[in-house]
Amino acid sequence: MTSRWGYVWGTLVLALLWQVASWRLGELVLAGPTAVLLRLYAEAHHAKFWMHVGSSWFRIAVALAISFVAAVPAGLLLGSSRRLDRVARPIIHLTYPVPKIVFLPIVFIIFGLGDAGKIAMLSIILFFQLLITTRDAARSVTRSARYSLYSLGGSRFDLFRHVIWPSCLPAVFTALRIATGTVVAVLFFVESVGTRYGMGFYILDAWGRADIQGICVGMVVMALMGVVLYETFDVLEKTFCRWSQL
């Protein structure tokens, strides 16, 4: 987890660069950090603003839960069974490189323009990232570790519980941290269609009204969402994978 002073230093540097860019481009193109913070403070007093924030968080949280429950067990199973992995590998290799955002129109046709369609799109993207990482982590568990547990009388369930799952958990958290930037970026796209709430809609609405400060407020909030997600997964890894920190 990044230290408190590290965040303070990084924020000051970014704010300085931001202010310089605002001076160079002009307030009509890029609002300065002070003006944006004041606008953010004002927006925080309106319930509608928090409805935008809450809608975005809801979609991310549900998509994370769905993709985690679906992808991690599947990755563990494929990584532990060469036969199943041999069958699924061609399908994964053909579908993983395809940019999932191109399926957005089809996903919206199937699931609708509401929360279901947006959550489905986010879940699809997260699913593949978690599946590949978990499968590769499970495959990397050495035979000696497996045979050692079997020699002690352990069952296949014990192998998953005491060897494979602990070995894969750090990689799962790493995949989740990497996915934070992707999921927030895709959230902007999915919230630009058929919705009245969400930070993506908030930014596009401000853009349509030529509200530069509003655009910057939305960008800051979405950036903070990414930081919160990243740090949350970092804390969870340190909590549940203490053995890997030694």
C-alpha atoms as a PDB file:
ATOM      1  CA  MET A   1       0.000   0.000   0.000  1.00  0.00           C
ATOM      2  CA  THR A   2       1.310   3.424  -0.906  1.00  0.00           C
ATOM      3  CA  SER A   3       2.358   5.412   2.166  1.00  0.00           C
ATOM      4  CA  ARG A   4       0.425   8.459   3.279  1.00  0.00           C
ATOM      5  CA  TRP A   5       3.329  10.794   2.485  1.00  0.00           C
ATOM      6  CA  GLY A   6       3.747   9.126  -0.884  1.00  0.00           C
ATOM      7  CA  TYR A   7       0.183  10.072  -1.773  1.00  0.00           C
ATOM      8  CA  VAL A   8       0.685  13.609  -0.466  1.00  0.00           C
ATOM      9  CA  TRP A   9       3.834  14.071  -2.538  1.00  0.00           C
ATOM     10  CA  GLY A  10       2.294  12.521  -5.647  1.00  0.00           C
ATOM     11  CA  THR A  11      -0.865  14.631  -5.300  1.00  0.00           C
ATOM     12  CA  LEU A  12       1.148  17.841  -4.979  1.00  0.00           C
ATOM     13  CA  VAL A  13       3.207  17.044  -8.078  1.00  0.00           C
ATOM     14  CA  LEU A  14       0.128  16.185 -10.132  1.00  0.00           C
ATOM     15  CA  ALA A  15      -1.702  19.276  -8.894  1.00  0.00           C
ATOM     16  CA  LEU A  16       1.262  21.444  -9.897  1.00  0.00           C
ATOM     17  CA  LEU A  17       1.436  19.920 -13.372  1.00  0.00           C
ATOM     18  CA  TRP A  18      -2.329  20.256 -13.669  1.00  0.00           C
ATOM     19  CA  GLN A  19      -2.184  23.944 -12.724  1.00  0.00           C
ATOM     20  CA  VAL A  20       0.602  24.651 -15.190  1.00  0.00           C
ATOM     21  CA  ALA A  21      -1.391  22.924 -17.954  1.00  0.00           C
ATOM     22  CA  SER A  22      -4.460  24.972 -16.994  1.00  0.00           C
ATOM     23  CA  TRP A  23      -2.455  28.210 -17.232  1.00  0.00           C
ATOM     24  CA  ARG A  24      -1.070  27.210 -20.625  1.00  0.00           C
ATOM     25  CA  LEU A  25      -4.384  26.054 -22.119  1.00  0.00           C
ATOM     26  CA  GLY A  26      -6.699  28.454 -20.324  1.00  0.00           C
ATOM     27  CA  GLU A  27      -9.602  27.884 -17.935  1.00  0.00           C
ATOM     28  CA  LEU A  28     -12.000  27.502 -20.860  1.00  0.00           C
ATOM     29  CA  VAL A  29     -10.125  24.366 -21.941  1.00  0.00           C
ATOM     30  CA  LEU A  30      -8.869  22.910 -18.654  1.00  0.00           C
ATOM     31  CA  ALA A  31     -10.112  24.114 -15.274  1.00  0.00           C
ATOM     32  CA  GLY A  32      -7.471  24.495 -12.571  1.00  0.00           C
ATOM     33  CA  PRO A  33      -7.299  22.212  -9.517  1.00  0.00           C
ATOM     34  CA  THR A  34      -8.490  24.897  -7.068  1.00  0.00           C
ATOM     35  CA  ALA A  35     -11.602  25.677  -9.096  1.00  0.00           C
ATOM     36  CA  VAL A  36     -12.341  21.967  -9.521  1.00  0.00           C
ATOM     37  CA  LEU A  37     -11.996  21.263  -5.799  1.00  0.00           C
ATOM     38  CA  LEU A  38     -14.344  24.129  -4.986  1.00  0.00           C
ATOM     39  CA  ARG A  39     -16.839  22.811  -7.526  1.00  0.00           C
ATOM     40  CA  LEU A  40     -16.489  19.295  -6.100  1.00  0.00           C
ATOM     41  CA  TYR A  41     -17.200  20.657  -2.622  1.00  0.00           C
ATOM     42  CA  ALA A  42     -20.322  22.372  -3.935  1.00  0.00           C
ATOM     43  CA  GLU A  43     -21.478  19.268  -5.807  1.00  0.00           C
ATOM     44  CA  ALA A  44     -21.032  17.155  -2.665  1.00  0.00           C
ATOM     45  CA  HIS A  45     -23.933  19.057  -1.098  1.00  0.00           C
ATOM     46  CA  HIS A  46     -26.388  17.822  -3.722  1.00  0.00           C
ATOM     47  CA  ALA A  47     -28.093  14.435  -3.407  1.00  0.00           C
ATOM     48  CA  LYS A  48     -28.134  13.949  -7.190  1.00  0.00           C
ATOM     49  CA  PHE A  49     -24.334  14.008  -7.301  1.00  0.00           C
ATOM     50  CA  TRP A  50     -24.163  11.142  -4.804  1.00  0.00           C
ATOM     51  CA  MET A  51     -26.723   9.239  -6.867  1.00  0.00           C
ATOM     52  CA  HIS A  52     -24.253   9.403  -9.757  1.00  0.00           C
ATOM     53  CA  VAL A  53     -21.422   8.187  -7.510  1.00  0.00           C
ATOM     54  CA  GLY A  54     -23.561   5.473  -5.905  1.00  0.00           C
ATOM     55  CA  SER A  55     -24.755   4.143  -9.264  1.00  0.00           C
ATOM     56  CA  SER A  56     -21.190   3.774 -10.509  1.00  0.00           C
ATOM     57  CA  TRP A  57     -20.054   2.047  -7.333  1.00  0.00           C
ATOM     58  CA  PHE A  58     -23.026  -0.326  -7.459  1.00  0.00           C
ATOM     59  CA  ARG A  59     -22.215  -1.420 -11.011  1.00  0.00           C
ATOM     60  CA  ILE A  60     -18.549  -1.954 -10.216  1.00  0.00           C
ATOM     61  CA  ALA A  61     -19.230  -3.873  -6.992  1.00  0.00           C
ATOM     62  CA  VAL A  62     -21.756  -6.242  -8.570  1.00  0.00           C
ATOM     63  CA  ALA A  63     -19.538  -6.834 -11.606  1.00  0.00           C
ATOM     64  CA  LEU A  64     -16.561  -7.606  -9.369  1.00  0.00           C
ATOM     65  CA  ALA A  65     -18.601 -10.067  -7.314  1.00  0.00           C
ATOM     66  CA  ILE A  66     -19.999 -11.849 -10.380  1.00  0.00           C
ATOM     67  CA  SER A  67     -16.662 -12.114 -12.174  1.00  0.00           C
ATOM     68  CA  PHE A  68     -14.850 -13.262  -9.025  1.00  0.00           C
ATOM     69  CA  VAL A  69     -17.375 -16.011  -8.269  1.00  0.00           C
ATOM     70  CA  ALA A  70     -17.415 -17.177 -11.895  1.00  0.00           C
ATOM     71  CA  ALA A  71     -13.768 -16.807 -12.948  1.00  0.00           C
ATOM     72  CA  VAL A  72     -11.715 -17.818  -9.910  1.00  0.00           C
ATOM     73  CA  PRO A  73     -13.229 -21.312  -9.398  1.00  0.00           C
ATOM     74  CA  ALA A  74     -13.056 -21.918 -13.160  1.00  0.00           C
ATOM     75  CA  GLY A  75      -9.416 -20.835 -13.237  1.00  0.00           C
ATOM     76  CA  LEU A  76      -8.557 -23.088 -10.300  1.00  0.00           C
ATOM     77  CA  LEU A  77     -10.271 -26.018 -11.991  1.00  0.00           C
ATOM     78  CA  LEU A  78      -8.556 -25.482 -15.344  1.00  0.00           C
ATOM     79  CA  GLY A  79      -5.182 -24.960 -13.730  1.00  0.00           C
ATOM     80  CA  SER A  80      -5.518 -28.161 -11.742  1.00  0.00           C
ATOM     81  CA  SER A  81      -6.740 -30.387 -14.567  1.00  0.00           C
ATOM     82  CA  ARG A  82      -4.622 -30.765 -17.696  1.00  0.00           C
ATOM     83  CA  ARG A  83      -7.445 -32.537 -19.477  1.00  0.00           C
ATOM     84  CA  LEU A  84      -9.973 -29.735 -18.902  1.00  0.00           C
ATOM     85  CA  ASP A  85      -7.362 -27.103 -19.685  1.00  0.00           C
ATOM     86  CA  ARG A  86      -6.528 -28.840 -22.964  1.00  0.00           C
ATOM     87  CA  VAL A  87     -10.193 -28.669 -23.972  1.00  0.00           C
ATOM     88  CA  ALA A  88     -10.759 -25.056 -22.879  1.00  0.00           C
ATOM     89  CA  ARG A  89      -7.414 -23.637 -24.031  1.00  0.00           C
ATOM     90  CA  PRO A  90      -8.335 -23.069 -27.729  1.00  0.00           C
ATOM     91  CA  ILE A  91     -11.537 -21.259 -26.729  1.00  0.00           C
ATOM     92  CA  ILE A  92      -9.691 -19.049 -24.232  1.00  0.00           C
ATOM     93  CA  HIS A  93      -6.877 -18.269 -26.670  1.00  0.00           C
ATOM     94  CA  LEU A  94      -9.369 -17.246 -29.360  1.00  0.00           C
ATOM     95  CA  THR A  95     -11.585 -15.098 -27.138  1.00  0.00           C
ATOM     96  CA  TYR A  96      -9.146 -13.493 -24.686  1.00  0.00           C
ATOM     97  CA  PRO A  97      -7.265 -11.233 -27.192  1.00  0.00           C
ATOM     98  CA  VAL A  98     -10.523  -9.824 -28.589  1.00  0.00           C
ATOM     99  CA  PRO A  99     -11.279  -6.358 -27.116  1.00  0.00           C
ATOM    100  CA  LYS A 100     -14.440  -7.080 -25.143  1.00  0.00           C
ATOM    101  CA  ILE A 101     -15.745  -3.538 -25.520  1.00  0.00           C
ATOM    102  CA  VAL A 102     -16.646  -4.356 -29.151  1.00  0.00           C
ATOM    103  CA  PHE A 103     -19.390  -6.612 -27.776  1.00  0.00           C
ATOM    104  CA  LEU A 104     -21.081  -3.626 -26.107  1.00  0.00           C
ATOM    105  CA  PRO A 105     -23.933  -3.317 -28.659  1.00  0.00           C
ATOM    106  CA  ILE A 106     -24.699  -7.047 -28.495  1.00  0.00           C
ATOM    107  CA  VAL A 107     -24.547  -7.076 -24.691  1.00  0.00           C
ATOM    108  CA  PHE A 108     -26.961  -4.147 -24.558  1.00  0.00           C
ATOM    109  CA  ILE A 109     -29.306  -5.892 -26.990  1.00  0.00           C
ATOM    110  CA  ILE A 110     -29.318  -9.048 -24.851  1.00  0.00           C
ATOM    111  CA  PHE A 111     -29.366  -7.510 -21.365  1.00  0.00           C
ATOM    112  CA  GLY A 112     -30.892  -4.120 -22.089  1.00  0.00           C
ATOM    113  CA  LEU A 113     -29.628  -0.604 -21.531  1.00  0.00           C
ATOM    114  CA  GLY A 114     -30.191  -0.666 -17.777  1.00  0.00           C
ATOM    115  CA  ASP A 115     -27.905  -1.790 -14.983  1.00  0.00           C
ATOM    116  CA  ALA A 116     -27.984  -5.423 -16.150  1.00  0.00           C
ATOM    117  CA  GLY A 117     -26.343  -4.613 -19.479  1.00  0.00           C
ATOM    118  CA  LYS A 118     -23.707  -2.379 -17.933  1.00  0.00           C
ATOM    119  CA  ILE A 119     -22.862  -4.894 -15.208  1.00  0.00           C
ATOM    120  CA  ALA A 120     -22.703  -7.690 -17.793  1.00  0.00           C
ATOM    121  CA  MET A 121     -20.167  -5.755 -19.884  1.00  0.00           C
ATOM    122  CA  LEU A 122     -17.976  -5.028 -16.876  1.00  0.00           C
ATOM    123  CA  SER A 123     -18.247  -8.643 -15.711  1.00  0.00           C
ATOM    124  CA  ILE A 124     -17.166 -10.033 -19.078  1.00  0.00           C
ATOM    125  CA  ILE A 125     -14.013  -7.930 -19.092  1.00  0.00           C
ATOM    126  CA  LEU A 126     -13.126  -8.756 -15.484  1.00  0.00           C
ATOM    127  CA  PHE A 127     -13.929 -12.442 -15.991  1.00  0.00           C
ATOM    128  CA  PHE A 128     -11.221 -13.055 -18.574  1.00  0.00           C
ATOM    129  CA  GLN A 129      -8.546 -11.180 -16.638  1.00  0.00           C
ATOM    130  CA  LEU A 130      -9.260 -13.155 -13.476  1.00  0.00           C
ATOM    131  CA  LEU A 131      -9.648 -16.464 -15.317  1.00  0.00           C
ATOM    132  CA  ILE A 132      -6.293 -16.302 -17.110  1.00  0.00           C
ATOM    133  CA  THR A 133      -4.373 -15.161 -14.034  1.00  0.00           C
ATOM    134  CA  THR A 134      -5.938 -17.756 -11.735  1.00  0.00           C
ATOM    135  CA  ARG A 135      -5.448 -20.575 -14.223  1.00  0.00           C
ATOM    136  CA  ASP A 136      -1.780 -19.733 -14.745  1.00  0.00           C
ATOM    137  CA  ALA A 137      -1.213 -19.435 -10.990  1.00  0.00           C
ATOM    138  CA  ALA A 138      -2.822 -22.822 -10.377  1.00  0.00           C
ATOM    139  CA  ARG A 139      -0.713 -24.402 -13.120  1.00  0.00           C
ATOM    140  CA  SER A 140       2.448 -23.044 -11.488  1.00  0.00           C
ATOM    141  CA  VAL A 141       1.908 -25.040  -8.298  1.00  0.00           C
ATOM    142  CA  THR A 142       4.730 -27.585  -8.319  1.00  0.00           C
ATOM    143  CA  ARG A 143       4.212 -31.327  -8.350  1.00  0.00           C
ATOM    144  CA  SER A 144       6.348 -31.659  -5.241  1.00  0.00           C
ATOM    145  CA  ALA A 145       3.892 -29.492  -3.310  1.00  0.00           C
ATOM    146  CA  ARG A 146       0.976 -31.604  -4.526  1.00  0.00           C
ATOM    147  CA  TYR A 147       2.683 -34.920  -3.785  1.00  0.00           C
ATOM    148  CA  SER A 148       3.808 -33.719  -0.371  1.00  0.00           C
ATOM    149  CA  LEU A 149       0.199 -33.093   0.653  1.00  0.00           C
ATOM    150  CA  TYR A 150      -0.964 -36.431  -0.756  1.00  0.00           C
ATOM    151  CA  SER A 151       1.849 -38.214   1.097  1.00  0.00           C
ATOM    152  CA  LEU A 152       0.512 -36.740   4.343  1.00  0.00           C
ATOM    153  CA  GLY A 153      -2.894 -38.258   3.675  1.00  0.00           C
ATOM    154  CA  GLY A 154      -4.530 -35.137   2.241  1.00  0.00           C
ATOM    155  CA  SER A 155      -7.500 -35.352  -0.078  1.00  0.00           C
ATOM    156  CA  ARG A 156      -8.128 -33.458  -3.305  1.00  0.00           C
ATOM    157  CA  PHE A 157     -10.200 -30.971  -1.320  1.00  0.00           C
ATOM    158  CA  ASP A 158      -7.269 -30.476   1.057  1.00  0.00           C
ATOM    159  CA  LEU A 159      -5.052 -29.856  -1.975  1.00  0.00           C
ATOM    160  CA  PHE A 160      -7.310 -27.023  -3.107  1.00  0.00           C
ATOM    161  CA  ARG A 161      -7.726 -25.611   0.378  1.00  0.00           C
ATOM    162  CA  HIS A 162      -4.170 -25.760   1.686  1.00  0.00           C
ATOM    163  CA  VAL A 163      -1.985 -25.648  -1.447  1.00  0.00           C
ATOM    164  CA  ILE A 164      -3.618 -24.400  -4.648  1.00  0.00           C
ATOM    165  CA  TRP A 165      -5.897 -21.697  -3.225  1.00  0.00           C
ATOM    166  CA  PRO A 166      -3.242 -20.042  -0.991  1.00  0.00           C
ATOM    167  CA  SER A 167      -0.745 -20.189  -3.860  1.00  0.00           C
ATOM    168  CA  CYS A 168      -3.163 -18.513  -6.272  1.00  0.00           C
ATOM    169  CA  LEU A 169      -4.600 -15.863  -3.961  1.00  0.00           C
ATOM    170  CA  PRO A 170      -1.753 -13.315  -4.361  1.00  0.00           C
ATOM    171  CA  ALA A 171      -2.047 -13.618  -8.150  1.00  0.00           C
ATOM    172  CA  VAL A 172      -5.813 -13.089  -7.917  1.00  0.00           C
ATOM    173  CA  PHE A 173      -5.337  -9.872  -5.976  1.00  0.00           C
ATOM    174  CA  THR A 174      -2.708  -8.757  -8.484  1.00  0.00           C
ATOM    175  CA  ALA A 175      -5.181  -9.338 -11.312  1.00  0.00           C
ATOM    176  CA  LEU A 176      -7.827  -7.359  -9.444  1.00  0.00           C
ATOM    177  CA  ARG A 177      -5.447  -4.440  -8.949  1.00  0.00           C
ATOM    178  CA  ILE A 178      -4.489  -4.455 -12.627  1.00  0.00           C
ATOM    179  CA  ALA A 179      -8.150  -4.614 -13.599  1.00  0.00           C
ATOM    180  CA  THR A 180      -9.070  -1.485 -11.631  1.00  0.00           C
ATOM    181  CA  GLY A 181      -7.913   0.876 -14.362  1.00  0.00           C
ATOM    182  CA  THR A 182      -9.668  -1.166 -17.028  1.00  0.00           C
ATOM    183  CA  VAL A 183     -12.968  -1.450 -15.183  1.00  0.00           C
ATOM    184  CA  VAL A 184     -13.144   2.287 -14.443  1.00  0.00           C
ATOM    185  CA  ALA A 185     -12.353   3.101 -18.087  1.00  0.00           C
ATOM    186  CA  VAL A 186     -15.014   0.712 -19.370  1.00  0.00           C
ATOM    187  CA  LEU A 187     -17.451   2.093 -16.794  1.00  0.00           C
ATOM    188  CA  PHE A 188     -17.214   5.456 -18.552  1.00  0.00           C
ATOM    189  CA  PHE A 189     -18.194   3.852 -21.869  1.00  0.00           C
ATOM    190  CA  VAL A 190     -21.112   1.808 -20.545  1.00  0.00           C
ATOM    191  CA  GLU A 191     -22.487   4.754 -18.599  1.00  0.00           C
ATOM    192  CA  SER A 192     -22.503   6.918 -21.706  1.00  0.00           C
ATOM    193  CA  VAL A 193     -25.453   4.997 -23.151  1.00  0.00           C
ATOM    194  CA  GLY A 194     -29.020   4.713 -21.926  1.00  0.00           C
ATOM    195  CA  THR A 195     -28.677   5.966 -18.371  1.00  0.00           C
ATOM    196  CA  ARG A 196     -29.405   9.019 -16.268  1.00  0.00           C
ATOM    197  CA  TYR A 197     -27.049   8.259 -13.403  1.00  0.00           C
ATOM    198  CA  GLY A 198     -23.385   7.355 -13.144  1.00  0.00           C
ATOM    199  CA  MET A 199     -20.122   9.257 -13.348  1.00  0.00           C
ATOM    200  CA  GLY A 200     -19.776   8.457 -17.048  1.00  0.00           C
ATOM    201  CA  PHE A 201     -23.124  10.132 -17.713  1.00  0.00           C
ATOM    202  CA  TYR A 202     -22.134  12.985 -15.398  1.00  0.00           C
ATOM    203  CA  ILE A 203     -19.026  13.718 -17.489  1.00  0.00           C
ATOM    204  CA  LEU A 204     -20.827  13.485 -20.838  1.00  0.00           C
ATOM    205  CA  ASP A 205     -23.657  15.657 -19.564  1.00  0.00           C
ATOM    206  CA  ALA A 206     -21.143  18.291 -18.448  1.00  0.00           C
ATOM    207  CA  TRP A 207     -19.399  17.999 -21.829  1.00  0.00           C
ATOM    208  CA  GLY A 208     -22.675  18.593 -23.664  1.00  0.00           C
ATOM    209  CA  ARG A 209     -23.198  21.770 -21.619  1.00  0.00           C
ATOM    210  CA  ALA A 210     -19.571  22.889 -22.149  1.00  0.00           C
ATOM    211  CA  ASP A 211     -19.150  22.733 -18.363  1.00  0.00           C
ATOM    212  CA  ILE A 212     -15.369  22.359 -18.121  1.00  0.00           C
ATOM    213  CA  GLN A 213     -15.326  22.333 -14.333  1.00  0.00           C
ATOM    214  CA  GLY A 214     -17.994  19.631 -14.278  1.00  0.00           C
ATOM    215  CA  ILE A 215     -15.976  17.491 -16.684  1.00  0.00           C
ATOM    216  CA  CYS A 216     -12.913  17.801 -14.460  1.00  0.00           C
ATOM    217  CA  VAL A 217     -14.938  16.996 -11.343  1.00  0.00           C
ATOM    218  CA  GLY A 218     -16.149  13.775 -12.973  1.00  0.00           C
ATOM    219  CA  MET A 219     -12.610  12.881 -14.020  1.00  0.00           C
ATOM    220  CA  VAL A 220     -11.315  13.444 -10.479  1.00  0.00           C
ATOM    221  CA  VAL A 221     -14.074  11.316  -8.960  1.00  0.00           C
ATOM    222  CA  MET A 222     -13.471   8.431 -11.373  1.00  0.00           C
ATOM    223  CA  ALA A 223      -9.731   8.645 -10.715  1.00  0.00           C
ATOM    224  CA  LEU A 224     -10.417   8.472  -6.964  1.00  0.00           C
ATOM    225  CA  MET A 225     -12.630   5.425  -7.535  1.00  0.00           C
ATOM    226  CA  GLY A 226      -9.713   3.688  -9.232  1.00  0.00           C
ATOM    227  CA  VAL A 227      -7.367   4.606  -6.377  1.00  0.00           C
ATOM    228  CA  VAL A 228      -9.835   3.331  -3.761  1.00  0.00           C
ATOM    229  CA  LEU A 229     -10.255   0.029  -5.599  1.00  0.00           C
ATOM    230  CA  TYR A 230      -6.500  -0.411  -6.010  1.00  0.00           C
ATOM    231  CA  GLU A 231      -5.755   0.314  -2.361  1.00  0.00           C
ATOM    232  CA  THR A 232      -8.630  -1.892  -1.184  1.00  0.00           C
ATOM    233  CA  PHE A 233      -7.264  -4.905  -3.032  1.00  0.00           C
ATOM    234  CA  ASP A 234      -3.778  -4.086  -1.752  1.00  0.00           C
ATOM    235  CA  VAL A 235      -5.029  -4.055   1.852  1.00  0.00           C
ATOM    236  CA  LEU A 236      -6.986  -7.271   1.324  1.00  0.00           C
ATOM    237  CA  GLU A 237      -3.903  -8.992  -0.059  1.00  0.00           C
ATOM    238  CA  LYS A 238      -1.844  -7.947   2.955  1.00  0.00           C
ATOM    239  CA  THR A 239      -4.648  -9.178   5.234  1.00  0.00           C
ATOM    240  CA  PHE A 240      -5.310 -12.563   3.639  1.00  0.00           C
ATOM    241  CA  CYS A 241      -1.833 -13.285   2.243  1.00  0.00           C
ATOM    242  CA  ARG A 242       0.351 -12.361   5.191  1.00  0.00           C
ATOM    243  CA  TRP A 243       2.518 -15.392   4.565  1.00  0.00           C
ATOM    244  CA  SER A 244       3.502 -14.013   1.150  1.00  0.00           C
ATOM    245  CA  GLN A 245       4.727 -10.747   2.729  1.00  0.00           C
ATOM    246  CA  LEU A 246       7.427 -12.484   4.773  1.00  0.00           C
END
